[in-house]
């Protein structure tokens, strides 16, 4: 049986994916007034940041499509995109694959990472477990924004 952090990650990711599968395609690229990003950006951002924290920082191979950093890194916005964004189906596929790949971390979850990482908000991350815990927080926060954007966008259908 896998570690509880892996199980929680699967639970959160399944909730994200199942919710987004039901979102009207028209709403994926709406940026509500006062916000900088859309639902598609949040999905790509979740994927990109999880690759960094769950794989790159833990010494594993991170798999990020070529255009993803310029589309989905922190501080980016669809307002500035100069390349075509991935389709909803591609993002869902990558998010599903990523959670399967996360299982590989089960046996190393209690190990320290090679170099302590300090987030932009000052959180000190020093273990594989801390990396995964941050991913849970991060995805939950963005999932909440996805739901909010979808609710605000209902008036635009």
Protein backbone atom coordinates (compact mmCIF):
# COMPACT_ATOMS: atom_id res chain seq x y z
CA UNK A 1 0.00 0.00 0.00
CA UNK A 2 1.29 3.45 -0.83
CA UNK A 3 2.03 6.22 1.63
CA UNK A 4 -0.85 8.40 2.81
CA UNK A 5 0.61 11.45 1.00
CA UNK A 6 0.44 9.53 -2.28
CA UNK A 7 -3.14 8.46 -1.49
CA UNK A 8 -4.13 12.05 -0.67
CA UNK A 9 -2.44 13.29 -3.85
CA UNK A 10 -4.47 10.79 -5.89
CA UNK A 11 -7.66 11.89 -4.14
CA UNK A 12 -7.03 15.59 -4.79
CA UNK A 13 -5.94 15.01 -8.39
CA UNK A 14 -9.00 12.86 -9.13
CA UNK A 15 -11.23 15.61 -7.73
CA UNK A 16 -9.49 18.21 -9.91
CA UNK A 17 -9.72 16.10 -13.07
CA UNK A 18 -13.32 14.99 -12.55
CA UNK A 19 -14.41 18.56 -11.92
CA UNK A 20 -12.65 19.94 -14.98
CA UNK A 21 -14.00 17.19 -17.25
CA UNK A 22 -17.46 18.66 -16.64
CA UNK A 23 -16.47 22.28 -17.22
CA UNK A 24 -17.93 23.76 -20.40
CA UNK A 25 -15.17 24.18 -22.99
CA UNK A 26 -16.10 27.88 -23.40
CA UNK A 27 -15.18 28.59 -19.78
CA UNK A 28 -11.61 27.26 -19.95
CA UNK A 29 -10.14 30.45 -21.39
CA UNK A 30 -12.26 33.09 -19.65
CA UNK A 31 -10.24 35.38 -17.40
CA UNK A 32 -12.67 37.01 -14.97
CA UNK A 33 -12.24 40.71 -14.23
CA UNK A 34 -9.65 41.28 -11.55
CA UNK A 35 -7.82 37.98 -12.20
CA UNK A 36 -4.77 37.22 -14.34
CA UNK A 37 -5.43 33.61 -15.30
CA UNK A 38 -8.00 31.17 -16.62
CA UNK A 39 -8.89 27.56 -15.83
CA UNK A 40 -6.55 26.19 -18.50
CA UNK A 41 -3.65 28.13 -16.97
CA UNK A 42 -4.41 26.74 -13.51
CA UNK A 43 -4.38 23.17 -14.85
CA UNK A 44 -1.07 23.63 -16.63
CA UNK A 45 0.36 25.44 -13.62
CA UNK A 46 -0.62 22.58 -11.28
CA UNK A 47 1.12 20.14 -13.61
CA UNK A 48 4.26 22.27 -14.03
CA UNK A 49 4.73 23.04 -10.34
CA UNK A 50 4.09 19.41 -9.35
CA UNK A 51 6.81 18.29 -11.77
CA UNK A 52 9.22 20.68 -10.05
CA UNK A 53 8.35 19.76 -6.48
CA UNK A 54 7.53 16.06 -6.77
CA UNK A 55 10.22 15.14 -9.26
CA UNK A 56 12.90 17.75 -9.94
CA UNK A 57 13.51 18.65 -6.28
CA UNK A 58 13.45 14.98 -5.25
CA UNK A 59 16.12 14.05 -7.79
CA UNK A 60 13.81 12.34 -10.26
CA UNK A 61 13.29 13.17 -13.92
CA UNK A 62 10.83 16.01 -14.39
CA UNK A 63 8.84 15.83 -17.63
CA UNK A 64 7.63 19.23 -18.76
CA UNK A 65 6.56 19.86 -22.38
CA UNK A 66 8.71 22.51 -24.09
CA UNK A 67 6.21 25.41 -24.00
CA UNK A 68 4.90 24.77 -20.49
CA UNK A 69 7.36 26.99 -18.57
CA UNK A 70 6.54 30.07 -20.67
CA UNK A 71 2.82 29.27 -20.44
CA UNK A 72 2.43 28.06 -16.84
CA UNK A 73 5.34 29.07 -14.61
CA UNK A 74 4.59 31.34 -11.64
CA UNK A 75 4.09 34.91 -12.83
CA UNK A 76 2.88 33.95 -16.31
CA UNK A 77 -0.56 34.79 -17.66
CA UNK A 78 -2.65 33.80 -20.69
CA UNK A 79 -2.84 37.53 -21.37
CA UNK A 80 0.80 37.27 -22.51
CA UNK A 81 0.71 33.92 -24.34
CA UNK A 82 2.36 33.96 -27.76
CA UNK A 83 2.10 30.19 -28.35
CA UNK A 84 -0.95 27.96 -28.60
CA UNK A 85 -2.00 26.48 -25.28
CA UNK A 86 -2.59 22.74 -24.91
CA UNK A 87 -6.08 21.32 -25.28
CA UNK A 88 -8.10 20.36 -22.22
CA UNK A 89 -7.70 16.66 -23.12
CA UNK A 90 -3.90 16.96 -23.21
CA UNK A 91 -3.83 18.65 -19.81
CA UNK A 92 -6.09 15.98 -18.32
CA UNK A 93 -3.92 13.23 -19.85
CA UNK A 94 -0.74 14.75 -18.38
CA UNK A 95 -2.34 15.24 -14.96
CA UNK A 96 -3.47 11.60 -14.95
CA UNK A 97 -0.02 10.35 -15.99
CA UNK A 98 1.65 12.50 -13.36
CA UNK A 99 -0.30 11.02 -10.48
CA UNK A 100 0.59 7.50 -11.64
CA UNK A 101 4.26 8.55 -11.83
CA UNK A 102 4.03 9.88 -8.27
CA UNK A 103 3.74 6.27 -7.00
CA UNK A 104 7.47 5.91 -7.68
CA UNK A 105 8.12 8.17 -4.70
CA UNK A 106 6.45 5.86 -2.15
CA UNK A 107 9.63 4.09 -1.05
CA UNK A 108 11.63 7.33 -0.73
CA UNK A 109 9.02 9.48 0.93
CA UNK A 110 10.85 9.86 4.25
CA UNK A 111 14.20 10.71 2.64
CA UNK A 112 15.69 14.20 2.62
CA UNK A 113 16.10 16.02 -0.68
CA UNK A 114 19.66 16.86 -1.79
CA UNK A 115 19.26 20.62 -1.45
CA UNK A 116 16.81 22.36 0.88
CA UNK A 117 14.38 24.53 -1.07
CA UNK A 118 12.76 27.73 0.21
CA UNK A 119 9.50 28.69 -1.48
CA UNK A 120 8.69 32.27 -2.45
CA UNK A 121 6.54 32.47 0.69
CA UNK A 122 9.36 31.32 2.97
CA UNK A 123 8.40 27.67 3.48
CA UNK A 124 11.50 25.50 3.93
CA UNK A 125 11.22 22.16 2.14
CA UNK A 126 13.79 19.50 3.03
CA UNK A 127 12.24 16.07 2.36
CA UNK A 128 10.31 14.15 -0.27
CA UNK A 129 7.31 14.14 2.09
CA UNK A 130 7.49 17.93 2.43
CA UNK A 131 7.60 18.26 -1.37
CA UNK A 132 4.45 16.16 -1.71
CA UNK A 133 2.74 17.97 1.13
CA UNK A 134 3.42 21.28 -0.62
CA UNK A 135 1.98 19.84 -3.86
CA UNK A 136 -1.24 18.96 -2.01
CA UNK A 137 -1.56 22.49 -0.63
CA UNK A 138 -0.71 24.02 -4.00
CA UNK A 139 -3.18 21.94 -5.99
CA UNK A 140 -5.95 22.46 -3.44
CA UNK A 141 -5.46 26.21 -3.63
CA UNK A 142 -5.59 26.23 -7.44
CA UNK A 143 -8.52 23.80 -7.52
CA UNK A 144 -10.46 26.30 -5.42
CA UNK A 145 -9.66 29.05 -7.92
CA UNK A 146 -10.71 26.80 -10.83
CA UNK A 147 -14.08 26.26 -9.17
CA UNK A 148 -14.48 29.98 -8.53
CA UNK A 149 -13.62 30.91 -12.13
CA UNK A 150 -16.07 28.30 -13.40
CA UNK A 151 -18.84 29.68 -11.17
CA UNK A 152 -18.16 33.27 -12.26
CA UNK A 153 -18.06 32.15 -15.90
CA UNK A 154 -21.52 30.54 -15.80
CA UNK A 155 -23.00 33.91 -16.71
CA UNK A 156 -20.94 33.96 -19.93
CA UNK A 157 -22.47 30.77 -21.45
